[in-house]
Amino acid sequence: MKPHTYFPLLASMLLILSASRCSEPVNKAGQESASVPAQETPTVFFTASITPEGLVRIYQALGVKASGRVAVKISTGESAKSNHLRPELIKDLVQSVNGTLVECNTAYGGSRATTANHLKVIEERGYNKIATVDIMDAEGTMDIPVTDDKWIKYDRVGSHLQNYDFMINLAHFKGHAMGGFGGVLKNQSIGVASSAGKLYIHSAGRSTTRWMDDNQDGFLESMAAAAQAVHNYFKQDGKNIVYINVMNNMSVDCDCDGSPAEPRLKDIGVLASTDPVALDQACLDLVFHHTDASGDDSKPLQERINRQHGTHITEYAESIGLGTRKYNIVNIDK
């Protein structure tokens, strides 16, 4: 969890990325794409300090104070070998907002498919030692409305979502076997969906009872629509939501993989924003604009993302109005 020593190179990358995002978005190939409707360019905050103190500082930089009943959405990880965010890293942030750690059960089986087993995992990982942990679909589900109904007609989430006034979407940015990558958009869509809701998103709206994964763009677009549903839910009635991506242990495999591949890309830092699209895009840009060196290779993660057409989720999320791929980077370490 130590900050990196190649800070000058990283600072140059951040300057380049910020300058490009102030004009036109770029896609994974670095080519210009269609401009988005005029709107205020969101800020993405950055720190190289992947530490408990760094997490607290970047949350504070957002300037949005958590209030009421605060949910902190994490992934609890499929096994002790998974690269999920460890309790000792997130403890200070969670406790500073008096937060409850929230999760939902998985749809693919494994160690977290039932509430009873999931609670055992949580105890094994030590999350319950730093905060109360809530399996949001332990007592059922509820459907929240979607704005984009191209594929899904609702977002089926854990019923306990209604118990919270504020959410910190605290995601581990890494690869993913099906989505290409996972950041705040995945953590908010698949992560907040109940086990049935996960099947509904993966199937692009065709089933809540069986696994279907033969429509890749439909799956990515369904994730974007579900992420927007949760975002809108937390923007109503005085509720609010903020977003944090931790770029460490960036295996090509997700935290849902119990035996992930070793990360080939070195840790980069922590990024945060009130715009989830800008945030995931900034992280993608750091991966695709990375200057590789011995022992620091971004190519495997780039290839995983490209293989699954992973960047399409930010493109589609922007097109439905969830956010923008434009952003300004602010380095809080300076």
Protein backbone atom coordinates (compact mmCIF):
# COMPACT_ATOMS: atom_id res chain seq x y z
CA MET A 1 0.00 0.00 0.00
CA LYS A 2 2.99 2.30 -0.33
CA PRO A 3 2.88 5.19 -2.79
CA HIS A 4 4.92 4.83 -5.96
CA THR A 5 8.32 6.32 -6.55
CA TYR A 6 7.87 7.08 -10.25
CA PHE A 7 5.89 10.22 -9.43
CA PRO A 8 7.48 12.60 -12.01
CA LEU A 9 6.50 10.30 -14.90
CA LEU A 10 3.01 9.86 -13.49
CA ALA A 11 2.62 13.61 -13.05
CA SER A 12 3.48 14.11 -16.73
CA MET A 13 0.89 11.49 -17.71
CA LEU A 14 -1.77 13.22 -15.63
CA LEU A 15 -1.01 16.56 -17.26
CA ILE A 16 -1.31 15.07 -20.73
CA LEU A 17 -4.55 13.25 -19.89
CA SER A 18 -6.12 16.31 -18.30
CA ALA A 19 -5.27 18.45 -21.31
CA SER A 20 -6.77 15.93 -23.73
CA ARG A 21 -9.94 15.60 -21.69
CA CYS A 22 -10.53 19.34 -21.63
CA SER A 23 -11.04 19.23 -25.38
CA GLU A 24 -12.44 16.01 -26.85
CA PRO A 25 -12.75 12.54 -25.32
CA VAL A 26 -10.37 9.92 -26.69
CA ASN A 27 -11.12 6.25 -27.04
CA LYS A 28 -8.84 3.33 -26.28
CA ALA A 29 -6.94 3.86 -29.52
CA GLY A 30 -6.28 7.50 -28.64
CA GLN A 31 -8.47 8.77 -31.48
CA GLU A 32 -11.00 11.57 -31.15
CA SER A 33 -14.61 10.57 -30.68
CA ALA A 34 -17.88 12.45 -30.95
CA SER A 35 -18.24 15.42 -28.64
CA VAL A 36 -20.77 15.32 -25.81
CA PRO A 37 -23.35 17.99 -25.04
CA ALA A 38 -21.87 21.09 -23.44
CA GLN A 39 -21.72 20.78 -19.68
CA GLU A 40 -19.39 21.60 -16.85
CA THR A 41 -16.26 19.47 -17.03
CA PRO A 42 -16.09 17.33 -13.89
CA THR A 43 -13.02 17.10 -11.69
CA VAL A 44 -11.25 13.82 -11.08
CA PHE A 45 -9.00 14.01 -8.02
CA PHE A 46 -5.80 11.95 -7.87
CA THR A 47 -3.38 10.84 -5.18
CA ALA A 48 -0.46 8.43 -5.53
CA SER A 49 -0.90 7.53 -1.84
CA ILE A 50 -2.63 4.14 -1.70
CA THR A 51 -2.86 4.32 2.07
CA PRO A 52 -5.63 4.76 4.66
CA GLU A 53 -4.65 8.43 4.90
CA GLY A 54 -4.74 8.82 1.11
CA LEU A 55 -8.27 7.41 0.94
CA VAL A 56 -9.52 9.84 3.59
CA ARG A 57 -7.82 12.81 1.91
CA ILE A 58 -9.22 12.07 -1.54
CA TYR A 59 -12.73 11.63 -0.13
CA GLN A 60 -12.40 14.98 1.64
CA ALA A 61 -11.17 16.59 -1.60
CA LEU A 62 -14.55 15.85 -3.19
CA GLY A 63 -16.16 18.39 -0.86
CA VAL A 64 -19.35 16.34 -0.46
CA LYS A 65 -19.99 15.49 3.17
CA ALA A 66 -21.54 12.12 3.87
CA SER A 67 -24.61 12.43 6.06
CA GLY A 68 -27.38 10.27 7.42
CA ARG A 69 -27.10 6.53 6.97
CA VAL A 70 -23.97 5.99 4.88
CA ALA A 71 -23.41 2.90 2.71
CA VAL A 72 -19.87 2.14 1.57
CA LYS A 73 -20.10 -0.27 -1.38
CA ILE A 74 -17.15 -2.63 -1.63
CA SER A 75 -16.38 -6.08 -2.99
CA THR A 76 -15.60 -8.64 -0.30
CA GLY A 77 -13.61 -10.84 -2.70
CA GLU A 78 -14.04 -14.46 -3.69
CA SER A 79 -11.06 -15.81 -1.75
CA ALA A 80 -8.16 -14.71 0.42
CA LYS A 81 -6.09 -14.71 -2.79
CA SER A 82 -8.40 -12.21 -4.52
CA ASN A 83 -7.29 -8.60 -4.87
CA HIS A 84 -10.25 -6.99 -3.05
CA LEU A 85 -9.56 -3.86 -0.98
CA ARG A 86 -8.34 -5.00 2.42
CA PRO A 87 -10.02 -3.87 5.68
CA GLU A 88 -6.85 -2.21 6.94
CA LEU A 89 -6.76 0.02 3.84
CA ILE A 90 -10.39 1.18 3.98
CA LYS A 91 -10.93 1.25 7.75
CA ASP A 92 -10.15 4.94 8.37
CA LEU A 93 -12.40 6.15 5.57
CA VAL A 94 -15.32 3.91 6.56
CA GLN A 95 -15.11 4.86 10.21
CA SER A 96 -14.66 8.58 9.47
CA VAL A 97 -18.15 8.63 7.89
CA ASN A 98 -19.69 6.13 10.34
CA GLY A 99 -20.34 3.97 7.30
CA THR A 100 -21.88 0.54 6.84
CA LEU A 101 -20.11 -1.76 4.39
CA VAL A 102 -22.64 -3.06 1.87
CA GLU A 103 -22.57 -5.97 -0.56
CA CYS A 104 -24.93 -8.34 -2.37
CA ASN A 105 -24.75 -12.07 -2.98
CA THR A 106 -23.23 -13.47 -6.17
CA ALA A 107 -25.04 -15.14 -9.06
CA TYR A 108 -22.30 -17.54 -10.18
CA GLY A 109 -22.08 -19.74 -7.09
CA GLY A 110 -18.78 -19.66 -5.24
CA SER A 111 -18.18 -18.68 -1.64
CA ARG A 112 -20.64 -15.75 -1.53
CA ALA A 113 -23.75 -17.11 -3.26
CA THR A 114 -25.80 -17.35 -0.08
CA THR A 115 -26.09 -14.89 2.78
CA ALA A 116 -24.90 -17.46 5.32
CA ASN A 117 -21.75 -18.25 3.35
CA HIS A 118 -21.18 -14.61 2.48
CA LEU A 119 -21.26 -13.66 6.16
CA LYS A 120 -18.63 -16.33 6.85
CA VAL A 121 -16.42 -14.82 4.16
CA ILE A 122 -16.88 -11.35 5.65
CA GLU A 123 -15.79 -12.64 9.04
CA GLU A 124 -12.81 -14.46 7.53
CA ARG A 125 -11.70 -11.29 5.72
CA GLY A 126 -12.12 -9.20 8.88
CA TYR A 127 -14.54 -6.64 7.45
CA ASN A 128 -16.92 -7.02 10.39
CA LYS A 129 -14.10 -5.94 12.69
CA ILE A 130 -13.97 -2.45 11.16
CA ALA A 131 -17.69 -1.75 10.56
CA THR A 132 -21.17 -3.20 10.39
CA VAL A 133 -21.58 -5.20 7.17
CA ASP A 134 -24.93 -5.47 5.39
CA ILE A 135 -25.77 -8.05 2.71
CA MET A 136 -28.38 -5.91 0.99
CA ASP A 137 -30.33 -8.76 -0.62
CA ALA A 138 -30.38 -10.91 2.54
CA GLU A 139 -34.08 -10.16 3.00
CA GLY A 140 -35.16 -9.84 -0.60
CA THR A 141 -35.01 -7.42 -3.49
CA MET A 142 -36.60 -4.27 -4.80
CA ASP A 143 -36.82 -2.85 -8.29
CA ILE A 144 -35.70 0.71 -8.97
CA PRO A 145 -36.49 2.52 -12.22
CA VAL A 146 -34.11 2.80 -15.13
CA THR A 147 -33.93 5.80 -17.42
CA ASP A 148 -32.50 3.77 -20.28
CA ASP A 149 -34.69 0.75 -20.99
CA LYS A 150 -33.05 -0.47 -24.19
CA TRP A 151 -32.27 -3.82 -22.54
CA ILE A 152 -33.41 -3.82 -18.93
CA LYS A 153 -36.78 -2.48 -17.76
CA TYR A 154 -35.79 -2.06 -14.09
CA ASP A 155 -32.77 -2.57 -11.86
CA ARG A 156 -33.28 -5.34 -9.31
CA VAL A 157 -31.23 -4.49 -6.22
CA GLY A 158 -31.00 -5.62 -2.61
CA SER A 159 -33.99 -4.37 -0.65
CA HIS A 160 -31.73 -2.89 2.04
CA LEU A 161 -30.62 -0.21 -0.40
CA GLN A 162 -33.62 1.79 0.78
CA ASN A 163 -32.07 1.98 4.27
CA TYR A 164 -29.33 4.39 3.18
CA ASP A 165 -29.19 8.13 2.56
CA PHE A 166 -25.70 8.36 1.08
CA MET A 167 -23.38 6.02 -0.79
CA ILE A 168 -19.62 5.97 -1.20
CA ASN A 169 -18.93 3.72 -4.18
CA LEU A 170 -15.48 2.44 -3.19
CA ALA A 171 -14.23 0.29 -6.06
CA HIS A 172 -11.07 -1.61 -6.86
CA PHE A 173 -10.09 -0.86 -10.46
CA LYS A 174 -8.84 -4.01 -12.21
CA GLY A 175 -9.55 -6.32 -15.12
CA HIS A 176 -12.62 -8.50 -15.48
CA ALA A 177 -13.15 -11.69 -17.47
CA MET A 178 -16.54 -10.60 -18.81
CA GLY A 179 -16.65 -6.79 -18.60
CA GLY A 180 -13.01 -6.25 -19.57
CA PHE A 181 -12.48 -4.10 -16.51
CA GLY A 182 -14.23 -3.29 -13.28
CA GLY A 183 -14.42 0.14 -11.71
CA VAL A 184 -17.18 2.21 -10.15
CA LEU A 185 -19.66 1.52 -12.95
CA LYS A 186 -19.40 -2.23 -12.42
CA ASN A 187 -19.35 -1.87 -8.62
CA GLN A 188 -22.60 0.11 -8.85
CA SER A 189 -24.41 -2.07 -11.37
CA ILE A 190 -23.47 -5.72 -10.89
CA GLY A 191 -22.28 -4.97 -7.35
CA VAL A 192 -25.51 -3.38 -6.07
CA ALA A 193 -27.78 -5.78 -7.96
CA SER A 194 -29.18 -8.76 -6.10
CA SER A 195 -28.20 -12.21 -7.32
CA ALA A 196 -31.31 -12.24 -9.54
CA GLY A 197 -30.53 -8.70 -10.65
CA LYS A 198 -27.02 -9.75 -11.63
CA LEU A 199 -28.45 -12.45 -13.91
CA TYR A 200 -30.83 -9.89 -15.40
CA ILE A 201 -27.96 -7.53 -16.26
CA HIS A 202 -25.65 -10.28 -17.57
CA SER A 203 -28.44 -11.57 -19.82
CA ALA A 204 -29.22 -8.06 -21.11
CA GLY A 205 -32.73 -8.23 -19.68
CA ARG A 206 -33.66 -11.76 -20.75
CA SER A 207 -33.59 -13.72 -17.50
CA THR A 208 -33.44 -13.36 -13.71
CA THR A 209 -33.08 -17.10 -13.14
CA ARG A 210 -30.38 -18.41 -15.48
CA TRP A 211 -26.97 -17.39 -16.73
CA MET A 212 -26.88 -15.93 -20.26
CA ASP A 213 -23.78 -14.15 -21.55
CA ASP A 214 -24.02 -14.21 -25.35
CA ASN A 215 -24.74 -10.48 -25.88
CA GLN A 216 -21.59 -8.64 -24.88
CA ASP A 217 -22.56 -5.10 -25.83
CA GLY A 218 -26.04 -5.68 -24.40
CA PHE A 219 -24.42 -6.72 -21.11
CA LEU A 220 -22.16 -3.63 -21.04
CA GLU A 221 -25.06 -1.34 -21.91
CA SER A 222 -27.23 -3.00 -19.26
CA MET A 223 -24.50 -2.36 -16.70
CA ALA A 224 -24.46 1.32 -17.70
CA ALA A 225 -28.25 1.55 -17.37
CA ALA A 226 -28.18 -0.14 -13.95
CA ALA A 227 -25.38 2.12 -12.74
CA GLN A 228 -27.44 5.12 -13.84
CA ALA A 229 -30.46 3.76 -11.93
CA VAL A 230 -28.47 3.63 -8.68
CA HIS A 231 -26.91 7.04 -9.35
CA ASN A 232 -30.34 8.58 -9.88
CA TYR A 233 -31.71 6.80 -6.82
CA PHE A 234 -29.05 8.45 -4.66
CA LYS A 235 -29.59 11.86 -6.24
CA GLN A 236 -33.25 12.01 -5.25
CA ASP A 237 -34.85 13.20 -2.01
CA GLY A 238 -31.66 14.79 -0.72
CA LYS A 239 -29.60 11.60 -1.06
CA ASN A 240 -26.14 11.69 -2.57
CA ILE A 241 -23.34 9.52 -3.92
CA VAL A 242 -19.60 9.85 -4.56
CA TYR A 243 -17.11 7.63 -6.37
CA ILE A 244 -13.60 6.34 -5.60
CA ASN A 245 -11.41 3.97 -7.65
CA VAL A 246 -8.32 2.39 -6.12
CA MET A 247 -5.78 1.45 -8.81
CA ASN A 248 -3.73 -1.21 -7.06
CA ASN A 249 -3.15 -4.95 -7.60
CA MET A 250 -4.53 -4.55 -11.12
CA SER A 251 -4.76 -8.15 -12.24
CA VAL A 252 -6.53 -8.92 -15.50
CA ASP A 253 -8.96 -10.86 -13.30
CA CYS A 254 -11.71 -9.49 -11.09
CA ASP A 255 -12.01 -9.79 -7.32
CA CYS A 256 -14.71 -12.38 -8.04
CA ASP A 257 -11.89 -14.68 -9.21
CA GLY A 258 -10.58 -16.81 -6.36
CA SER A 259 -7.24 -17.45 -8.13
CA PRO A 260 -6.49 -14.30 -10.13
CA ALA A 261 -3.50 -13.85 -12.41
CA GLU A 262 -0.60 -11.92 -10.92
CA PRO A 263 -0.80 -8.18 -11.68
CA ARG A 264 1.67 -7.11 -14.36
CA LEU A 265 0.94 -3.39 -14.01
CA LYS A 266 2.31 -1.57 -10.97
CA ASP A 267 0.00 0.28 -8.59
CA ILE A 268 -0.88 3.81 -9.74
CA GLY A 269 -2.95 5.58 -7.10
CA VAL A 270 -6.45 6.52 -5.96
CA LEU A 271 -8.87 8.59 -8.04
CA ALA A 272 -12.22 10.09 -7.05
CA SER A 273 -15.03 12.12 -8.58
CA THR A 274 -18.71 12.90 -8.33
CA ASP A 275 -19.00 11.75 -11.99
CA PRO A 276 -18.66 7.96 -12.34
CA VAL A 277 -18.14 8.05 -16.11
CA ALA A 278 -15.33 10.61 -15.88
CA LEU A 279 -13.73 8.58 -13.11
CA ASP A 280 -13.71 5.23 -14.91
CA GLN A 281 -12.57 6.97 -18.09
CA ALA A 282 -9.65 8.64 -16.28
CA CYS A 283 -8.56 5.24 -14.97
CA LEU A 284 -8.87 3.70 -18.43
CA ASP A 285 -6.76 6.51 -19.84
CA LEU A 286 -4.05 5.90 -17.25
CA VAL A 287 -3.94 2.26 -18.34
CA PHE A 288 -3.99 2.92 -22.09
CA HIS A 289 -1.53 5.83 -21.93
CA HIS A 290 0.81 4.04 -19.58
CA THR A 291 4.51 3.98 -20.43
CA ASP A 292 5.62 0.42 -19.83
CA ALA A 293 8.91 -0.52 -18.21
CA SER A 294 10.53 -3.66 -16.89
CA GLY A 295 8.18 -5.19 -14.33
CA ASP A 296 5.47 -2.64 -15.12
CA ASP A 297 3.47 -3.84 -18.12
CA SER A 298 0.02 -2.48 -19.00
CA LYS A 299 -0.41 -4.63 -22.12
CA PRO A 300 -2.14 -7.64 -20.51
CA LEU A 301 -4.78 -5.40 -18.93
CA GLN A 302 -5.21 -3.43 -22.16
CA GLU A 303 -5.67 -6.69 -24.06
CA ARG A 304 -8.25 -7.97 -21.57
CA ILE A 305 -10.23 -4.72 -21.82
CA ASN A 306 -10.07 -4.69 -25.63
CA ARG A 307 -11.02 -8.37 -25.91
CA GLN A 308 -14.29 -7.70 -24.10
CA HIS A 309 -14.95 -4.32 -25.76
CA GLY A 310 -14.74 -3.00 -22.21
CA THR A 311 -14.42 0.69 -23.03
CA HIS A 312 -17.90 0.60 -24.54
CA ILE A 313 -19.43 0.94 -21.07
CA THR A 314 -18.11 4.48 -20.60
CA GLU A 315 -19.08 5.41 -24.15
CA TYR A 316 -22.61 4.15 -23.64
CA ALA A 317 -22.93 5.58 -20.13
CA GLU A 318 -22.02 8.97 -21.55
CA SER A 319 -24.57 8.60 -24.36
CA ILE A 320 -27.44 7.96 -21.91
CA GLY A 321 -26.52 10.94 -19.76
CA LEU A 322 -24.98 9.27 -16.72
CA GLY A 323 -21.86 11.42 -17.00
CA THR A 324 -19.14 12.56 -19.37
CA ARG A 325 -15.82 11.13 -20.49
CA LYS A 326 -14.35 14.62 -20.28
CA TYR A 327 -12.60 15.55 -17.05
CA ASN A 328 -9.99 17.71 -15.39
CA ILE A 329 -7.38 15.97 -13.25
CA VAL A 330 -6.46 17.59 -9.92
CA ASN A 331 -3.46 16.08 -8.17
CA ILE A 332 -4.01 16.55 -4.42
CA ASP A 333 -0.41 15.51 -3.64
CA LYS A 334 0.91 18.84 -4.93
